Protein backbone atom coordinates (compact mmCIF):
# COMPACT_ATOMS: atom_id res chain seq x y z
CA MET A 1 -37.60 -37.14 -12.97
CA ALA A 2 -36.49 -37.35 -9.77
CA HIS A 3 -32.99 -37.71 -11.39
CA ASN A 4 -33.25 -34.69 -13.03
CA LEU A 5 -34.25 -32.80 -10.15
CA TRP A 6 -31.17 -33.85 -8.14
CA VAL A 7 -28.89 -33.15 -11.08
CA ALA A 8 -30.42 -29.70 -11.58
CA ALA A 9 -30.06 -29.10 -7.65
CA ALA A 10 -26.78 -30.02 -7.60
CA SER A 11 -25.90 -27.71 -10.78
CA VAL A 12 -27.80 -24.79 -8.92
CA LEU A 13 -25.42 -25.35 -5.98
CA LEU A 14 -22.38 -25.23 -7.74
CA LEU A 15 -23.46 -22.30 -10.03
CA ASN A 16 -24.22 -20.22 -6.61
CA LEU A 17 -20.87 -21.03 -5.28
CA PRO A 18 -18.95 -18.20 -6.73
CA PHE A 19 -21.85 -15.94 -6.19
CA GLY A 20 -22.08 -16.58 -2.59
CA PHE A 21 -18.20 -16.10 -2.59
CA TRP A 22 -18.73 -12.59 -4.29
CA ARG A 23 -21.81 -11.92 -2.01
CA ALA A 24 -19.88 -12.24 1.20
CA GLY A 25 -17.47 -9.69 0.39
CA THR A 26 -19.80 -6.80 -0.10
CA ARG A 27 -21.87 -4.64 2.19
CA ARG A 28 -25.44 -5.91 2.74
CA PHE A 29 -28.28 -4.72 0.57
CA SER A 30 -25.76 -2.80 -1.70
CA LEU A 31 -25.87 -2.96 -5.53
CA PRO A 32 -23.10 -5.67 -5.54
CA TRP A 33 -24.79 -7.69 -3.25
CA LEU A 34 -28.12 -7.53 -4.74
CA LEU A 35 -26.39 -8.67 -8.19
CA ALA A 36 -24.50 -11.33 -6.40
CA VAL A 37 -27.72 -12.74 -4.97
CA HIS A 38 -30.02 -12.07 -7.95
CA THR A 39 -27.68 -12.89 -11.14
CA PRO A 40 -28.00 -16.64 -10.96
CA VAL A 41 -31.75 -16.40 -11.09
CA PRO A 42 -32.20 -16.51 -14.72
CA PHE A 43 -29.72 -19.07 -15.03
CA VAL A 44 -31.64 -21.23 -12.63
CA ILE A 45 -34.95 -20.53 -14.58
CA ALA A 46 -33.21 -21.74 -17.90
CA LEU A 47 -32.00 -24.71 -16.00
CA ARG A 48 -35.62 -25.74 -14.94
CA LEU A 49 -36.92 -25.06 -18.32
CA PHE A 50 -33.88 -27.24 -20.28
CA SER A 51 -33.88 -29.96 -17.76
CA GLY A 52 -37.98 -30.64 -17.87
CA LEU A 53 -38.47 -29.70 -14.41
CA GLY A 54 -40.96 -26.88 -15.23
CA TRP A 55 -42.72 -25.54 -12.23
CA ARG A 56 -44.10 -28.39 -10.42
CA LEU A 57 -44.79 -27.28 -6.82
CA HIS A 58 -42.66 -30.12 -5.21
CA THR A 59 -39.33 -29.16 -6.88
CA PHE A 60 -39.15 -25.59 -5.15
CA PRO A 61 -38.07 -26.59 -1.97
CA VAL A 62 -35.12 -28.83 -3.38
CA MET A 63 -34.21 -25.84 -5.82
CA VAL A 64 -34.64 -23.12 -3.26
CA GLY A 65 -32.60 -25.27 -0.84
CA ALA A 66 -29.80 -25.65 -3.44
CA PHE A 67 -29.79 -21.68 -4.17
CA LEU A 68 -29.29 -21.04 -0.51
CA THR A 69 -26.95 -23.67 0.21
CA GLY A 70 -24.63 -22.64 -2.44
CA GLN A 71 -24.90 -19.02 -1.48
CA PHE A 72 -24.02 -19.89 2.01
CA LEU A 73 -21.15 -22.28 1.26
CA GLY A 74 -19.64 -19.79 -1.26
CA GLY A 75 -19.86 -17.05 1.61
CA LYS A 76 -18.13 -19.76 4.06
CA LEU A 77 -15.58 -20.44 1.37
CA ARG A 78 -14.63 -16.60 1.26
CA GLY A 79 -14.24 -16.69 4.91
CA ARG A 80 -11.88 -19.76 4.82
CA TRP A 81 -10.03 -18.37 1.87
CA ALA A 82 -9.40 -14.92 3.40
CA GLY A 83 -8.32 -16.70 6.84
CA GLY A 84 -11.37 -15.69 8.86
CA ARG A 85 -10.08 -12.27 9.68
CA GLY A 86 -13.12 -10.34 9.16
CA THR A 87 -12.33 -9.19 5.52
CA THR A 88 -16.11 -10.03 4.40
CA GLY A 89 -16.78 -6.26 5.50
CA ARG A 90 -19.44 -7.44 8.15
CA GLY A 91 -19.04 -7.51 11.91
CA PRO A 92 -20.61 -9.09 14.61
CA GLY A 93 -24.36 -9.99 13.97
CA GLY A 94 -23.99 -9.26 10.24
CA GLN A 95 -23.72 -5.25 10.81
CA SER A 96 -21.79 -3.60 7.78
CA GLY A 97 -19.77 -0.78 8.24
CA ALA A 98 -16.45 0.22 9.64
CA SER A 99 -17.91 0.05 13.15
CA GLY A 100 -18.65 -3.40 12.87
CA SER A 101 -15.43 -4.37 10.84
CA ALA A 102 -12.51 -5.84 12.15
CA ARG A 103 -10.77 -3.45 9.88
CA GLY A 104 -12.37 -0.60 11.01
CA ALA A 105 -11.13 1.92 13.55
CA GLY A 106 -7.57 0.46 13.91
CA GLY A 107 -8.63 -2.92 14.46
CA VAL A 108 -5.64 -4.04 12.23
CA ALA A 109 -3.14 -1.97 14.24
CA ALA A 110 -4.56 -3.60 17.45
CA GLU A 111 -4.56 -6.99 16.08
CA GLU A 112 -0.84 -6.77 15.05
CA ASN A 113 0.10 -5.48 18.43
CA ARG A 114 -1.61 -8.47 20.04
CA GLU A 115 0.36 -10.93 17.71
CA GLU A 116 3.72 -9.15 18.71
CA GLU A 117 3.08 -9.43 22.46
CA ASP A 118 2.56 -13.15 22.12
């Protein structure tokens, strides 16, 4: 049984990587953000049922941890893939919108000017 739990947890983590990648590029609590967070849930439920894990209480921390870790690492992958230039649409403190974004209000032009000065 323990083997099934860890295989299922690894599968959940891998399943959530692309959804976390997608989520990191959306505005928080927007429709795409909600879809990126909730679309994998039916697949996780199916995985629990087909792997024989069922709904035992001791499996929840492992599976929820794998789900959240996959989302988190997917978001980190997007940040690395984008070069960390603030393309996730979130500014400092997780703020959304142009005011918190590195691209808002001429942020790109100011960044380019600094690079030319160096």
